[in-house]
C-alpha atoms as a PDB file:
ATOM      1  CA  MET A   1      32.476 -11.625  24.025  1.00  0.00           C
ATOM      2  CA  SER A   2      29.077 -13.493  24.213  1.00  0.00           C
ATOM      3  CA  CYS A   3      27.095 -10.995  22.438  1.00  0.00           C
ATOM      4  CA  ILE A   4      25.402 -13.160  19.556  1.00  0.00           C
ATOM      5  CA  PHE A   5      25.385  -9.988  17.435  1.00  0.00           C
ATOM      6  CA  CYS A   6      29.428  -9.249  18.182  1.00  0.00           C
ATOM      7  CA  LYS A   7      29.794 -12.960  17.015  1.00  0.00           C
ATOM      8  CA  ILE A   8      27.969 -12.249  13.943  1.00  0.00           C
ATOM      9  CA  ILE A   9      29.993  -9.222  13.146  1.00  0.00           C
ATOM     10  CA  SER A  10      33.464 -11.150  13.923  1.00  0.00           C
ATOM     11  CA  GLY A  11      32.151 -13.797  11.579  1.00  0.00           C
ATOM     12  CA  GLU A  12      32.007 -16.370  14.314  1.00  0.00           C
ATOM     13  CA  PHE A  13      28.316 -16.946  13.727  1.00  0.00           C
ATOM     14  CA  PRO A  14      27.082 -16.879  10.309  1.00  0.00           C
ATOM     15  CA  SER A  15      24.578 -14.611   8.886  1.00  0.00           C
ATOM     16  CA  LYS A  16      22.579 -13.991   5.640  1.00  0.00           C
ATOM     17  CA  LYS A  17      23.927 -10.506   5.029  1.00  0.00           C
ATOM     18  CA  VAL A  18      22.157  -7.747   3.128  1.00  0.00           C
ATOM     19  CA  TYR A  19      24.483  -4.719   3.553  1.00  0.00           C
ATOM     20  CA  GLU A  20      28.106  -4.004   5.348  1.00  0.00           C
ATOM     21  CA  ASP A  21      30.058  -1.200   5.299  1.00  0.00           C
ATOM     22  CA  GLU A  22      32.914  -0.070   8.231  1.00  0.00           C
ATOM     23  CA  SER A  23      30.665   0.597  10.944  1.00  0.00           C
ATOM     24  CA  VAL A  24      27.255  -1.062  10.298  1.00  0.00           C
ATOM     25  CA  LEU A  25      25.994  -4.671   9.297  1.00  0.00           C
ATOM     26  CA  ALA A  26      22.382  -5.924   8.123  1.00  0.00           C
ATOM     27  CA  PHE A  27      21.352  -9.167   7.924  1.00  0.00           C
ATOM     28  CA  HIS A  28      18.317 -11.213   7.591  1.00  0.00           C
ATOM     29  CA  ASP A  29      16.471 -12.158  10.955  1.00  0.00           C
ATOM     30  CA  ILE A  30      16.341 -15.631  11.657  1.00  0.00           C
ATOM     31  CA  LYS A  31      12.543 -15.549  13.234  1.00  0.00           C
ATOM     32  CA  PRO A  32      11.314 -13.041  10.782  1.00  0.00           C
ATOM     33  CA  ASN A  33       7.539 -11.459  11.245  1.00  0.00           C
ATOM     34  CA  ALA A  34       7.080 -10.285   7.948  1.00  0.00           C
ATOM     35  CA  PRO A  35       8.053 -11.083   4.260  1.00  0.00           C
ATOM     36  CA  VAL A  36      11.202  -8.716   4.796  1.00  0.00           C
ATOM     37  CA  HIS A  37      12.742  -8.627   8.076  1.00  0.00           C
ATOM     38  CA  VAL A  38      16.134  -7.610   8.642  1.00  0.00           C
ATOM     39  CA  LEU A  39      18.240  -6.381  11.182  1.00  0.00           C
ATOM     40  CA  VAL A  40      20.752  -3.172  10.828  1.00  0.00           C
ATOM     41  CA  ILE A  41      23.471  -3.055  13.756  1.00  0.00           C
ATOM     42  CA  PRO A  42      26.646  -0.930  14.595  1.00  0.00           C
ATOM     43  CA  LYS A  43      29.565  -3.062  14.685  1.00  0.00           C
ATOM     44  CA  MET A  44      30.536  -1.117  17.994  1.00  0.00           C
ATOM     45  CA  HIS A  45      28.857  -3.130  20.908  1.00  0.00           C
ATOM     46  CA  ILE A  46      26.187  -0.438  22.137  1.00  0.00           C
ATOM     47  CA  GLU A  47      23.711  -2.362  24.637  1.00  0.00           C
ATOM     48  CA  SER A  48      20.665  -0.237  23.673  1.00  0.00           C
ATOM     49  CA  VAL A  49      18.991   3.224  23.033  1.00  0.00           C
ATOM     50  CA  ASP A  50      19.636   3.646  26.702  1.00  0.00           C
ATOM     51  CA  ALA A  51      23.142   3.514  26.404  1.00  0.00           C
ATOM     52  CA  LEU A  52      23.587   6.218  23.644  1.00  0.00           C
ATOM     53  CA  ASP A  53      25.711   9.093  24.696  1.00  0.00           C
ATOM     54  CA  GLU A  54      28.095  11.640  23.365  1.00  0.00           C
ATOM     55  CA  SER A  55      30.669   9.025  22.879  1.00  0.00           C
ATOM     56  CA  ASN A  56      28.787   6.605  20.641  1.00  0.00           C
ATOM     57  CA  ILE A  57      26.204   8.518  18.889  1.00  0.00           C
ATOM     58  CA  ASP A  58      28.155   8.731  15.609  1.00  0.00           C
ATOM     59  CA  VAL A  59      27.884   5.084  15.246  1.00  0.00           C
ATOM     60  CA  ALA A  60      24.488   4.901  16.127  1.00  0.00           C
ATOM     61  CA  ASN A  61      23.697   7.795  13.579  1.00  0.00           C
ATOM     62  CA  LYS A  62      25.476   5.674  10.729  1.00  0.00           C
ATOM     63  CA  ALA A  63      23.302   2.732  11.425  1.00  0.00           C
ATOM     64  CA  LEU A  64      20.300   4.872  10.848  1.00  0.00           C
ATOM     65  CA  LEU A  65      21.575   6.170   7.818  1.00  0.00           C
ATOM     66  CA  ALA A  66      22.050   2.712   6.569  1.00  0.00           C
ATOM     67  CA  ILE A  67      18.671   1.984   6.775  1.00  0.00           C
ATOM     68  CA  PRO A  68      17.177   3.698   3.710  1.00  0.00           C
ATOM     69  CA  LYS A  69      20.190   2.206   1.927  1.00  0.00           C
ATOM     70  CA  VAL A  70      19.062  -1.467   3.131  1.00  0.00           C
ATOM     71  CA  ALA A  71      15.289  -0.779   2.414  1.00  0.00           C
ATOM     72  CA  ALA A  72      16.170   0.434  -1.070  1.00  0.00           C
ATOM     73  CA  LEU A  73      18.614  -2.821  -1.663  1.00  0.00           C
ATOM     74  CA  LEU A  74      15.666  -5.057  -0.439  1.00  0.00           C
ATOM     75  CA  GLY A  75      13.071  -3.256  -2.939  1.00  0.00           C
ATOM     76  CA  LEU A  76      10.608  -1.657  -0.137  1.00  0.00           C
ATOM     77  CA  LYS A  77       9.315   1.098  -2.437  1.00  0.00           C
ATOM     78  CA  ASN A  78       5.693   1.369  -0.619  1.00  0.00           C
ATOM     79  CA  GLY A  79       7.215   1.649   2.857  1.00  0.00           C
ATOM     80  CA  TYR A  80       8.558  -0.298   5.885  1.00  0.00           C
ATOM     81  CA  ARG A  81       8.706  -0.179   9.626  1.00  0.00           C
ATOM     82  CA  VAL A  82      11.501   0.711  11.626  1.00  0.00           C
ATOM     83  CA  ILE A  83      11.704  -0.582  15.192  1.00  0.00           C
ATOM     84  CA  SER A  84      14.276  -0.519  17.932  1.00  0.00           C
ATOM     85  CA  ASN A  85      13.261  -2.618  21.102  1.00  0.00           C
ATOM     86  CA  CYS A  86      14.457  -1.264  24.619  1.00  0.00           C
ATOM     87  CA  GLY A  87      15.102  -3.313  27.682  1.00  0.00           C
ATOM     88  CA  GLU A  88      13.301  -6.261  28.658  1.00  0.00           C
ATOM     89  CA  ASP A  89       9.644  -4.909  28.846  1.00  0.00           C
ATOM     90  CA  GLY A  90      10.240  -3.386  25.242  1.00  0.00           C
ATOM     91  CA  GLY A  91      11.089  -6.774  24.102  1.00  0.00           C
ATOM     92  CA  GLN A  92      14.665  -6.549  23.230  1.00  0.00           C
ATOM     93  CA  THR A  93      15.909 -10.299  23.370  1.00  0.00           C
ATOM     94  CA  VAL A  94      19.790  -9.356  22.220  1.00  0.00           C
ATOM     95  CA  PRO A  95      21.572  -6.688  24.145  1.00  0.00           C
ATOM     96  CA  HIS A  96      23.378  -4.976  21.130  1.00  0.00           C
ATOM     97  CA  LEU A  97      21.660  -1.782  19.631  1.00  0.00           C
ATOM     98  CA  HIS A  98      19.731  -2.940  16.752  1.00  0.00           C
ATOM     99  CA  PHE A  99      17.101  -1.524  14.237  1.00  0.00           C
ATOM    100  CA  HIS A 100      14.424  -3.796  12.311  1.00  0.00           C
ATOM    101  CA  ILE A 101      13.350  -3.163   9.173  1.00  0.00           C
ATOM    102  CA  ILE A 102      10.158  -4.905   8.502  1.00  0.00           C
ATOM    103  CA  GLY A 103       7.991  -4.961   5.311  1.00  0.00           C
ATOM    104  CA  GLY A 104       7.061  -6.604   1.995  1.00  0.00           C
ATOM    105  CA  LYS A 105       3.581  -6.248   2.916  1.00  0.00           C
ATOM    106  CA  LYS A 106       0.865  -3.824   4.557  1.00  0.00           C
ATOM    107  CA  LEU A 107       1.585  -3.645   7.913  1.00  0.00           C
ATOM    108  CA  PRO A 108      -1.161  -3.468  10.681  1.00  0.00           C
ATOM    109  CA  ILE A 109      -1.091  -0.265  12.767  1.00  0.00           C
ATOM    110  CA  LYS A 110      -1.755  -1.817  16.023  1.00  0.00           C
ATOM    111  CA  LEU A 111       0.901  -3.316  18.248  1.00  0.00           C
ATOM    112  CA  ASN A 112      -1.320  -6.409  19.334  1.00  0.00           C
END
């Protein structure tokens, strides 16, 4: 598979891991937008939020449940932002469902 995140999951590409279990992997973003910028991904390839259905929702749920665990490991006690981009117009650059955890400073409310 040509998906970069699937290659990270398989160990073919390196990553700076923060958390891993049987269903989820979390690692530091290579182009961080804040002092803390980590991606949480399901190990099952799901293209985006648009691809969620009854057959894979449990896997996505496990990724969502991992987010507070990862935030705690990162020491984000004052809060953080969770973002999932969907599709090209939504800013999704890797076609594998993922959640950005962004924090480590007070974040602006505006998108631009």
